[in-house]
Amino acid sequence: MDLKLLHIFRNTPFGREMLLGSSYFCKKTGVSPVIYIPEYLKFLMYFENDVVQVDLDKSFLKAPGTAKEHAVDIVRSQGMPDPEFISPKQFTASTLPDIPVNFNFMCCPRSITDMSSKIGLGYIGPKVRRIVQSAKFPVLIASSIYKEWTSITVMFGGSANAVKALRLGLRIGELSGAPVDVFTQEGKKGRQYYEKEIDKAGLSNEMEENVRKWHVFDSGRLSENLYHIPHGSLIVIGAYGHGVIKDIIFGSIMEKVQTIMPNNLLIVGPNYGVEMG
């Protein structure tokens, strides 16, 4: 199966860092990058239960004459073949293209819609959150500055979505050859609860065979224990929605991790369910 990652390219220094991050992910995992260079400030993504309109800022339309050349050069710099480019064929309106959603991954900055000068650690924009909530694919949030990763850390809290994240983390480890660690903030449930959930998911043997270390913290604050995650680790984590008021609530652990950690994040939303080949 040919696995593909969608990347919306911004032809700016900030956009270069993002494409370096997603290209590195593709190189490590054997995934093929598919790049969309926007020609309009808006596009639609038709998911099964939601339609997400993404409103880009004007920086995404900068220097269109060199965008494709720069994107190819960035991907080549990772020792990869030239990427595939998509040109929308369907339009909901004359300046509102429909972008396909049949990908295995998508790389997003922490915010699609804000200028890069406003994007800071700890802020994931509402449109990115809606993509995470609606998509069947995981969303890669690349570090704001290009950052390679040499290990994988799965955040496991026992929920159904955490089990999905664990399966995905183990699969990424298999594809990349990178060691996999698991991180659990125990809280009041106790280690046996988490062991039982892993066993129910049929992952006990795979955990034992393929996880380098399971870090279970039964004391201390999460914000302090997160220091034990290596700076060069890709964090795989599940996010889930409690409903929509102004924003999607990711869940307390997800919110703290994305606020504190500068690492690359691979986020599994509640609709993720397509098994990777």
C-alpha atoms as a PDB file:
ATOM      1  CA  MET A   1       0.000   0.000   0.000  1.00  0.00           C
ATOM      2  CA  ASP A   2       1.366   3.415  -0.992  1.00  0.00           C
ATOM      3  CA  LEU A   3       0.990   5.636   2.071  1.00  0.00           C
ATOM      4  CA  LYS A   4       0.610   9.362   1.391  1.00  0.00           C
ATOM      5  CA  LEU A   5       0.879  12.564   3.414  1.00  0.00           C
ATOM      6  CA  LEU A   6      -0.843  15.796   2.396  1.00  0.00           C
ATOM      7  CA  HIS A   7       1.119  19.012   2.908  1.00  0.00           C
ATOM      8  CA  ILE A   8      -0.212  22.541   2.271  1.00  0.00           C
ATOM      9  CA  PHE A   9       2.897  24.466   1.228  1.00  0.00           C
ATOM     10  CA  ARG A  10       3.650  28.050   2.187  1.00  0.00           C
ATOM     11  CA  ASN A  11       6.537  29.525   0.154  1.00  0.00           C
ATOM     12  CA  THR A  12       8.158  31.347   3.085  1.00  0.00           C
ATOM     13  CA  PRO A  13      10.997  30.521   5.500  1.00  0.00           C
ATOM     14  CA  PHE A  14       8.401  29.304   8.001  1.00  0.00           C
ATOM     15  CA  GLY A  15       6.826  27.136   5.320  1.00  0.00           C
ATOM     16  CA  ARG A  16      10.253  25.734   4.476  1.00  0.00           C
ATOM     17  CA  GLU A  17      10.662  24.526   8.078  1.00  0.00           C
ATOM     18  CA  MET A  18       7.244  22.841   7.978  1.00  0.00           C
ATOM     19  CA  LEU A  19       7.958  21.052   4.698  1.00  0.00           C
ATOM     20  CA  LEU A  20      11.360  19.934   5.980  1.00  0.00           C
ATOM     21  CA  GLY A  21       9.549  18.418   8.977  1.00  0.00           C
ATOM     22  CA  SER A  22       6.952  16.564   6.942  1.00  0.00           C
ATOM     23  CA  SER A  23       9.555  15.428   4.383  1.00  0.00           C
ATOM     24  CA  TYR A  24      11.676  14.015   7.193  1.00  0.00           C
ATOM     25  CA  PHE A  25       8.633  12.162   8.541  1.00  0.00           C
ATOM     26  CA  CYS A  26       8.015  10.752   5.063  1.00  0.00           C
ATOM     27  CA  LYS A  27      11.626   9.682   4.657  1.00  0.00           C
ATOM     28  CA  LYS A  28      11.644   7.936   8.047  1.00  0.00           C
ATOM     29  CA  THR A  29       8.387   6.069   7.435  1.00  0.00           C
ATOM     30  CA  GLY A  30       8.428   5.425   3.687  1.00  0.00           C
ATOM     31  CA  VAL A  31       5.426   7.691   3.130  1.00  0.00           C
ATOM     32  CA  SER A  32       5.055   9.705  -0.094  1.00  0.00           C
ATOM     33  CA  PRO A  33       4.534  13.486   0.257  1.00  0.00           C
ATOM     34  CA  VAL A  34       1.709  15.058  -1.735  1.00  0.00           C
ATOM     35  CA  ILE A  35       1.892  18.846  -1.906  1.00  0.00           C
ATOM     36  CA  TYR A  36      -0.831  21.402  -2.521  1.00  0.00           C
ATOM     37  CA  ILE A  37       0.327  24.909  -3.455  1.00  0.00           C
ATOM     38  CA  PRO A  38      -2.691  27.149  -2.858  1.00  0.00           C
ATOM     39  CA  GLU A  39      -3.898  29.508  -5.577  1.00  0.00           C
ATOM     40  CA  TYR A  40      -6.798  30.809  -3.517  1.00  0.00           C
ATOM     41  CA  LEU A  41      -7.173  31.956   0.082  1.00  0.00           C
ATOM     42  CA  LYS A  42      -9.790  29.320   0.923  1.00  0.00           C
ATOM     43  CA  PHE A  43     -10.388  25.634   0.351  1.00  0.00           C
ATOM     44  CA  LEU A  44     -12.830  22.991   1.550  1.00  0.00           C
ATOM     45  CA  MET A  45     -12.213  19.532   2.960  1.00  0.00           C
ATOM     46  CA  TYR A  46     -15.253  17.234   2.793  1.00  0.00           C
ATOM     47  CA  PHE A  47     -15.030  14.742   5.634  1.00  0.00           C
ATOM     48  CA  GLU A  48     -17.624  12.075   6.334  1.00  0.00           C
ATOM     49  CA  ASN A  49     -19.403  14.033   9.074  1.00  0.00           C
ATOM     50  CA  ASP A  50     -18.124  17.570   8.581  1.00  0.00           C
ATOM     51  CA  VAL A  51     -17.058  20.083   5.974  1.00  0.00           C
ATOM     52  CA  VAL A  52     -14.089  22.177   7.032  1.00  0.00           C
ATOM     53  CA  GLN A  53     -13.449  25.471   5.266  1.00  0.00           C
ATOM     54  CA  VAL A  54      -9.856  26.565   5.719  1.00  0.00           C
ATOM     55  CA  ASP A  55      -9.236  30.309   5.344  1.00  0.00           C
ATOM     56  CA  LEU A  56      -5.571  30.881   4.603  1.00  0.00           C
ATOM     57  CA  ASP A  57      -3.685  34.084   5.225  1.00  0.00           C
ATOM     58  CA  LYS A  58      -2.008  35.875   2.331  1.00  0.00           C
ATOM     59  CA  SER A  59       1.425  34.432   3.133  1.00  0.00           C
ATOM     60  CA  PHE A  60       0.283  31.124   1.582  1.00  0.00           C
ATOM     61  CA  LEU A  61       0.029  32.859  -1.799  1.00  0.00           C
ATOM     62  CA  LYS A  62       3.463  34.482  -1.728  1.00  0.00           C
ATOM     63  CA  ALA A  63       5.882  34.076  -4.631  1.00  0.00           C
ATOM     64  CA  PRO A  64       3.857  31.548  -6.657  1.00  0.00           C
ATOM     65  CA  GLY A  65       6.453  31.576  -9.410  1.00  0.00           C
ATOM     66  CA  THR A  66       9.065  29.850  -7.222  1.00  0.00           C
ATOM     67  CA  ALA A  67       6.802  27.794  -4.926  1.00  0.00           C
ATOM     68  CA  LYS A  68       6.972  24.510  -6.821  1.00  0.00           C
ATOM     69  CA  GLU A  69      10.731  24.792  -7.390  1.00  0.00           C
ATOM     70  CA  HIS A  70      11.331  25.491  -3.702  1.00  0.00           C
ATOM     71  CA  ALA A  71       9.076  22.623  -2.599  1.00  0.00           C
ATOM     72  CA  VAL A  72      10.896  20.160  -4.877  1.00  0.00           C
ATOM     73  CA  ASP A  73      14.284  21.358  -3.614  1.00  0.00           C
ATOM     74  CA  ILE A  74      13.209  20.949   0.026  1.00  0.00           C
ATOM     75  CA  VAL A  75      11.974  17.397  -0.503  1.00  0.00           C
ATOM     76  CA  ARG A  76      15.084  16.495  -2.507  1.00  0.00           C
ATOM     77  CA  SER A  77      17.265  17.814   0.326  1.00  0.00           C
ATOM     78  CA  GLN A  78      15.962  14.902   2.428  1.00  0.00           C
ATOM     79  CA  GLY A  79      17.228  12.463  -0.170  1.00  0.00           C
ATOM     80  CA  MET A  80      13.728  11.763  -1.450  1.00  0.00           C
ATOM     81  CA  PRO A  81      12.337  11.630  -4.998  1.00  0.00           C
ATOM     82  CA  ASP A  82      10.334  14.546  -6.321  1.00  0.00           C
ATOM     83  CA  PRO A  83       6.951  14.898  -4.614  1.00  0.00           C
ATOM     84  CA  GLU A  84       3.537  14.611  -6.183  1.00  0.00           C
ATOM     85  CA  PHE A  85       1.573  17.850  -6.550  1.00  0.00           C
ATOM     86  CA  ILE A  86      -2.200  18.081  -6.553  1.00  0.00           C
ATOM     87  CA  SER A  87      -4.291  20.544  -8.494  1.00  0.00           C
ATOM     88  CA  PRO A  88      -7.954  20.649  -7.401  1.00  0.00           C
ATOM     89  CA  LYS A  89     -10.417  19.411  -9.992  1.00  0.00           C
ATOM     90  CA  GLN A  90     -13.600  20.066  -8.033  1.00  0.00           C
ATOM     91  CA  PHE A  91     -14.755  23.522  -6.927  1.00  0.00           C
ATOM     92  CA  THR A  92     -17.685  24.340  -4.655  1.00  0.00           C
ATOM     93  CA  ALA A  93     -17.406  27.921  -5.933  1.00  0.00           C
ATOM     94  CA  SER A  94     -15.155  29.536  -8.521  1.00  0.00           C
ATOM     95  CA  THR A  95     -12.504  30.433  -5.936  1.00  0.00           C
ATOM     96  CA  LEU A  96     -13.262  27.681  -3.432  1.00  0.00           C
ATOM     97  CA  PRO A  97     -11.504  24.432  -4.413  1.00  0.00           C
ATOM     98  CA  ASP A  98     -12.254  21.077  -2.802  1.00  0.00           C
ATOM     99  CA  ILE A  99      -9.160  19.308  -1.487  1.00  0.00           C
ATOM    100  CA  PRO A 100      -9.363  15.491  -1.308  1.00  0.00           C
ATOM    101  CA  VAL A 101      -9.182  13.822   2.098  1.00  0.00           C
ATOM    102  CA  ASN A 102      -8.203  10.282   1.081  1.00  0.00           C
ATOM    103  CA  PHE A 103      -4.722  10.495   2.597  1.00  0.00           C
ATOM    104  CA  ASN A 104      -2.983   8.528   5.348  1.00  0.00           C
ATOM    105  CA  PHE A 105      -1.544  11.615   7.052  1.00  0.00           C
ATOM    106  CA  MET A 106      -1.702  15.386   6.850  1.00  0.00           C
ATOM    107  CA  CYS A 107       0.914  17.839   8.042  1.00  0.00           C
ATOM    108  CA  CYS A 108      -0.364  21.083   9.568  1.00  0.00           C
ATOM    109  CA  PRO A 109       1.293  23.990  11.298  1.00  0.00           C
ATOM    110  CA  ARG A 110      -0.152  24.641  14.756  1.00  0.00           C
ATOM    111  CA  SER A 111      -2.456  27.089  13.034  1.00  0.00           C
ATOM    112  CA  ILE A 112      -3.335  27.178   9.362  1.00  0.00           C
ATOM    113  CA  THR A 113      -5.161  30.483   9.422  1.00  0.00           C
ATOM    114  CA  ASP A 114      -2.904  32.812  11.405  1.00  0.00           C
ATOM    115  CA  MET A 115       0.190  34.627  10.266  1.00  0.00           C
ATOM    116  CA  SER A 116       3.346  32.796  11.282  1.00  0.00           C
ATOM    117  CA  SER A 117       4.339  35.687  13.558  1.00  0.00           C
ATOM    118  CA  LYS A 118       1.272  34.920  15.707  1.00  0.00           C
ATOM    119  CA  ILE A 119       1.875  31.202  15.937  1.00  0.00           C
ATOM    120  CA  GLY A 120       3.345  30.191  19.267  1.00  0.00           C
ATOM    121  CA  LEU A 121       3.897  27.092  21.269  1.00  0.00           C
ATOM    122  CA  GLY A 122       0.664  26.119  22.951  1.00  0.00           C
ATOM    123  CA  TYR A 123      -1.752  27.446  20.335  1.00  0.00           C
ATOM    124  CA  ILE A 124      -3.392  25.046  17.933  1.00  0.00           C
ATOM    125  CA  GLY A 125      -5.847  26.901  15.731  1.00  0.00           C
ATOM    126  CA  PRO A 126      -9.560  26.038  15.583  1.00  0.00           C
ATOM    127  CA  LYS A 127      -9.460  24.849  11.961  1.00  0.00           C
ATOM    128  CA  VAL A 128      -6.593  22.466  12.718  1.00  0.00           C
ATOM    129  CA  ARG A 129      -8.608  21.162  15.668  1.00  0.00           C
ATOM    130  CA  ARG A 130     -11.604  20.550  13.403  1.00  0.00           C
ATOM    131  CA  ILE A 131      -9.435  18.658  10.949  1.00  0.00           C
ATOM    132  CA  VAL A 132      -8.106  16.520  13.819  1.00  0.00           C
ATOM    133  CA  GLN A 133     -11.642  15.868  15.045  1.00  0.00           C
ATOM    134  CA  SER A 134     -13.091  15.028  11.615  1.00  0.00           C
ATOM    135  CA  ALA A 135     -10.298  13.269   9.736  1.00  0.00           C
ATOM    136  CA  LYS A 136      -9.775   9.538   9.495  1.00  0.00           C
ATOM    137  CA  PHE A 137      -6.049  10.216   9.167  1.00  0.00           C
ATOM    138  CA  PRO A 138      -3.622  11.330  11.906  1.00  0.00           C
ATOM    139  CA  VAL A 139      -2.385  14.924  11.779  1.00  0.00           C
ATOM    140  CA  LEU A 140       1.312  15.699  12.018  1.00  0.00           C
ATOM    141  CA  ILE A 141       2.047  18.979  13.793  1.00  0.00           C
ATOM    142  CA  ALA A 142       5.613  19.645  12.761  1.00  0.00           C
ATOM    143  CA  SER A 143       7.861  21.628  15.073  1.00  0.00           C
ATOM    144  CA  SER A 144       8.006  25.335  14.194  1.00  0.00           C
ATOM    145  CA  ILE A 145      11.722  24.934  13.531  1.00  0.00           C
ATOM    146  CA  TYR A 146      12.866  21.832  11.644  1.00  0.00           C
ATOM    147  CA  LYS A 147      13.565  19.144  14.221  1.00  0.00           C
ATOM    148  CA  GLU A 148      14.587  15.578  13.497  1.00  0.00           C
ATOM    149  CA  TRP A 149      13.312  12.742  15.686  1.00  0.00           C
ATOM    150  CA  THR A 150      15.074   9.500  16.525  1.00  0.00           C
ATOM    151  CA  SER A 151      12.547   7.851  18.838  1.00  0.00           C
ATOM    152  CA  ILE A 152       8.777   7.684  19.365  1.00  0.00           C
ATOM    153  CA  THR A 153       6.903   8.419  22.575  1.00  0.00           C
ATOM    154  CA  VAL A 154       3.269   7.321  22.809  1.00  0.00           C
ATOM    155  CA  MET A 155       1.146   9.088  25.404  1.00  0.00           C
ATOM    156  CA  PHE A 156      -1.127   6.389  26.844  1.00  0.00           C
ATOM    157  CA  GLY A 157      -3.998   7.222  29.182  1.00  0.00           C
ATOM    158  CA  GLY A 158      -6.168   4.138  28.743  1.00  0.00           C
ATOM    159  CA  SER A 159      -8.937   5.602  26.567  1.00  0.00           C
ATOM    160  CA  ALA A 160     -10.116   4.142  23.252  1.00  0.00           C
ATOM    161  CA  ASN A 161      -8.291   6.924  21.450  1.00  0.00           C
ATOM    162  CA  ALA A 162      -5.137   6.242  23.461  1.00  0.00           C
ATOM    163  CA  VAL A 163      -5.290   2.639  22.230  1.00  0.00           C
ATOM    164  CA  LYS A 164      -5.462   3.962  18.650  1.00  0.00           C
ATOM    165  CA  ALA A 165      -2.438   6.158  19.361  1.00  0.00           C
ATOM    166  CA  LEU A 166      -0.562   3.157  20.763  1.00  0.00           C
ATOM    167  CA  ARG A 167      -1.318   1.068  17.676  1.00  0.00           C
ATOM    168  CA  LEU A 168      -0.187   3.918  15.452  1.00  0.00           C
ATOM    169  CA  GLY A 169       2.978   4.553  17.475  1.00  0.00           C
ATOM    170  CA  LEU A 170       3.946   0.901  17.241  1.00  0.00           C
ATOM    171  CA  ARG A 171       3.319   0.971  13.485  1.00  0.00           C
ATOM    172  CA  ILE A 172       5.414   4.125  13.053  1.00  0.00           C
ATOM    173  CA  GLY A 173       8.161   2.398  15.017  1.00  0.00           C
ATOM    174  CA  GLU A 174       7.956  -0.579  12.671  1.00  0.00           C
ATOM    175  CA  LEU A 175       8.097   1.622   9.566  1.00  0.00           C
ATOM    176  CA  SER A 176      10.887   3.884  10.778  1.00  0.00           C
ATOM    177  CA  GLY A 177      12.975   1.500  12.856  1.00  0.00           C
ATOM    178  CA  ALA A 178      12.925   4.057  15.687  1.00  0.00           C
ATOM    179  CA  PRO A 179      12.577   2.788  19.279  1.00  0.00           C
ATOM    180  CA  VAL A 180       9.163   3.236  20.903  1.00  0.00           C
ATOM    181  CA  ASP A 181       8.590   4.386  24.483  1.00  0.00           C
ATOM    182  CA  VAL A 182       5.231   4.724  26.235  1.00  0.00           C
ATOM    183  CA  PHE A 183       4.409   7.472  28.744  1.00  0.00           C
ATOM    184  CA  THR A 184       1.590   7.192  31.283  1.00  0.00           C
ATOM    185  CA  GLN A 185       0.627   9.662  33.997  1.00  0.00           C
ATOM    186  CA  GLU A 186      -0.973   7.189  36.387  1.00  0.00           C
ATOM    187  CA  GLY A 187      -3.304   9.416  38.369  1.00  0.00           C
ATOM    188  CA  LYS A 188      -5.849   7.603  40.533  1.00  0.00           C
ATOM    189  CA  LYS A 189      -6.399   4.540  38.347  1.00  0.00           C
ATOM    190  CA  GLY A 190      -3.241   2.562  39.057  1.00  0.00           C
ATOM    191  CA  ARG A 191      -0.986   0.691  36.668  1.00  0.00           C
ATOM    192  CA  GLN A 192      -3.203  -2.427  36.611  1.00  0.00           C
ATOM    193  CA  TYR A 193      -5.981  -0.445  34.943  1.00  0.00           C
ATOM    194  CA  TYR A 194      -3.691   0.509  32.040  1.00  0.00           C
ATOM    195  CA  GLU A 195      -2.305  -3.003  31.743  1.00  0.00           C
ATOM    196  CA  LYS A 196      -5.871  -4.325  31.536  1.00  0.00           C
ATOM    197  CA  GLU A 197      -6.808  -1.867  28.769  1.00  0.00           C
ATOM    198  CA  ILE A 198      -3.721  -2.829  26.772  1.00  0.00           C
ATOM    199  CA  ASP A 199      -4.552  -6.507  27.222  1.00  0.00           C
ATOM    200  CA  LYS A 200      -8.178  -5.946  26.154  1.00  0.00           C
ATOM    201  CA  ALA A 201      -6.879  -4.316  22.976  1.00  0.00           C
ATOM    202  CA  GLY A 202      -4.718  -7.367  22.259  1.00  0.00           C
ATOM    203  CA  LEU A 203      -1.514  -5.350  22.468  1.00  0.00           C
ATOM    204  CA  SER A 204       0.200  -6.926  25.493  1.00  0.00           C
ATOM    205  CA  ASN A 205       2.591  -9.089  23.471  1.00  0.00           C
ATOM    206  CA  GLU A 206       3.391  -6.288  21.043  1.00  0.00           C
ATOM    207  CA  MET A 207       4.066  -3.950  23.972  1.00  0.00           C
ATOM    208  CA  GLU A 208       6.434  -6.465  25.518  1.00  0.00           C
ATOM    209  CA  GLU A 209       8.261  -7.132  22.265  1.00  0.00           C
ATOM    210  CA  ASN A 210       8.446  -3.670  20.718  1.00  0.00           C
ATOM    211  CA  VAL A 211       8.342  -1.053  23.483  1.00  0.00           C
ATOM    212  CA  ARG A 212      11.740  -0.015  24.787  1.00  0.00           C
ATOM    213  CA  LYS A 213      10.426   1.398  28.060  1.00  0.00           C
ATOM    214  CA  TRP A 214       7.037   2.121  29.603  1.00  0.00           C
ATOM    215  CA  HIS A 215       7.315   5.176  31.817  1.00  0.00           C
ATOM    216  CA  VAL A 216       4.518   5.090  34.407  1.00  0.00           C
ATOM    217  CA  PHE A 217       4.507   8.080  36.759  1.00  0.00           C
ATOM    218  CA  ASP A 218       2.532   7.602  39.960  1.00  0.00           C
ATOM    219  CA  SER A 219       3.557  10.925  41.467  1.00  0.00           C
ATOM    220  CA  GLY A 220       4.481  14.430  40.407  1.00  0.00           C
ATOM    221  CA  ARG A 221       2.730  16.804  38.055  1.00  0.00           C
ATOM    222  CA  LEU A 222       2.342  15.970  34.397  1.00  0.00           C
ATOM    223  CA  SER A 223       4.047  19.228  33.438  1.00  0.00           C
ATOM    224  CA  GLU A 224       7.115  18.170  35.435  1.00  0.00           C
ATOM    225  CA  ASN A 225       7.147  14.542  34.272  1.00  0.00           C
ATOM    226  CA  LEU A 226       7.011  15.573  30.621  1.00  0.00           C
ATOM    227  CA  TYR A 227      10.645  16.606  31.018  1.00  0.00           C
ATOM    228  CA  HIS A 228      11.513  12.899  30.776  1.00  0.00           C
ATOM    229  CA  ILE A 229      10.362  12.744  27.137  1.00  0.00           C
ATOM    230  CA  PRO A 230      13.484  13.015  24.937  1.00  0.00           C
ATOM    231  CA  HIS A 231      13.771  16.240  22.970  1.00  0.00           C
ATOM    232  CA  GLY A 232      14.369  14.176  19.838  1.00  0.00           C
ATOM    233  CA  SER A 233      11.193  12.100  20.125  1.00  0.00           C
ATOM    234  CA  LEU A 234       8.081  12.128  17.947  1.00  0.00           C
ATOM    235  CA  ILE A 235       5.105  12.296  20.322  1.00  0.00           C
ATOM    236  CA  VAL A 236       2.058  10.239  19.294  1.00  0.00           C
ATOM    237  CA  ILE A 237      -1.066  11.189  21.202  1.00  0.00           C
ATOM    238  CA  GLY A 238      -4.829  10.792  21.009  1.00  0.00           C
ATOM    239  CA  ALA A 239      -7.145  13.779  21.044  1.00  0.00           C
ATOM    240  CA  TYR A 240     -10.874  13.709  21.544  1.00  0.00           C
ATOM    241  CA  GLY A 241     -13.698  16.227  21.385  1.00  0.00           C
ATOM    242  CA  HIS A 242     -16.164  16.924  24.169  1.00  0.00           C
ATOM    243  CA  GLY A 243     -18.304  18.979  21.854  1.00  0.00           C
ATOM    244  CA  VAL A 244     -18.023  22.353  20.188  1.00  0.00           C
ATOM    245  CA  ILE A 245     -18.638  25.637  21.968  1.00  0.00           C
ATOM    246  CA  LYS A 246     -15.969  27.947  20.639  1.00  0.00           C
ATOM    247  CA  ASP A 247     -13.343  25.304  20.062  1.00  0.00           C
ATOM    248  CA  ILE A 248     -12.829  21.581  20.221  1.00  0.00           C
ATOM    249  CA  ILE A 249     -11.649  20.468  23.625  1.00  0.00           C
ATOM    250  CA  PHE A 250      -8.805  18.063  23.056  1.00  0.00           C
ATOM    251  CA  GLY A 251      -8.743  16.677  26.578  1.00  0.00           C
ATOM    252  CA  SER A 252      -6.627  17.824  29.491  1.00  0.00           C
ATOM    253  CA  ILE A 253      -3.579  15.660  28.760  1.00  0.00           C
ATOM    254  CA  MET A 254      -3.530  16.608  25.079  1.00  0.00           C
ATOM    255  CA  GLU A 255      -3.846  20.300  25.898  1.00  0.00           C
ATOM    256  CA  LYS A 256      -0.987  20.218  28.395  1.00  0.00           C
ATOM    257  CA  VAL A 257       1.307  18.260  26.097  1.00  0.00           C
ATOM    258  CA  GLN A 258       0.762  20.523  23.100  1.00  0.00           C
ATOM    259  CA  THR A 259       1.203  23.578  25.334  1.00  0.00           C
ATOM    260  CA  ILE A 260       4.464  22.457  26.924  1.00  0.00           C
ATOM    261  CA  MET A 261       6.296  20.264  24.422  1.00  0.00           C
ATOM    262  CA  PRO A 262       8.196  21.663  21.400  1.00  0.00           C
ATOM    263  CA  ASN A 263       8.480  18.182  19.845  1.00  0.00           C
ATOM    264  CA  ASN A 264       6.859  17.060  16.618  1.00  0.00           C
ATOM    265  CA  LEU A 265       3.359  15.771  17.420  1.00  0.00           C
ATOM    266  CA  LEU A 266       1.346  13.092  15.619  1.00  0.00           C
ATOM    267  CA  ILE A 267      -2.264  13.517  16.734  1.00  0.00           C
ATOM    268  CA  VAL A 268      -4.893  10.778  16.479  1.00  0.00           C
ATOM    269  CA  GLY A 269      -8.433  12.114  16.358  1.00  0.00           C
ATOM    270  CA  PRO A 270     -11.624  10.303  17.371  1.00  0.00           C
ATOM    271  CA  ASN A 271     -12.471   9.296  13.771  1.00  0.00           C
ATOM    272  CA  TYR A 272      -9.105   7.769  13.006  1.00  0.00           C
ATOM    273  CA  GLY A 273      -9.765   4.224  11.952  1.00  0.00           C
ATOM    274  CA  VAL A 274      -8.030   3.500   8.661  1.00  0.00           C
ATOM    275  CA  GLU A 275      -5.367   0.871   9.254  1.00  0.00           C
ATOM    276  CA  MET A 276      -2.009   1.594   7.671  1.00  0.00           C
ATOM    277  CA  GLY A 277      -0.658  -0.974   5.250  1.00  0.00           C
END
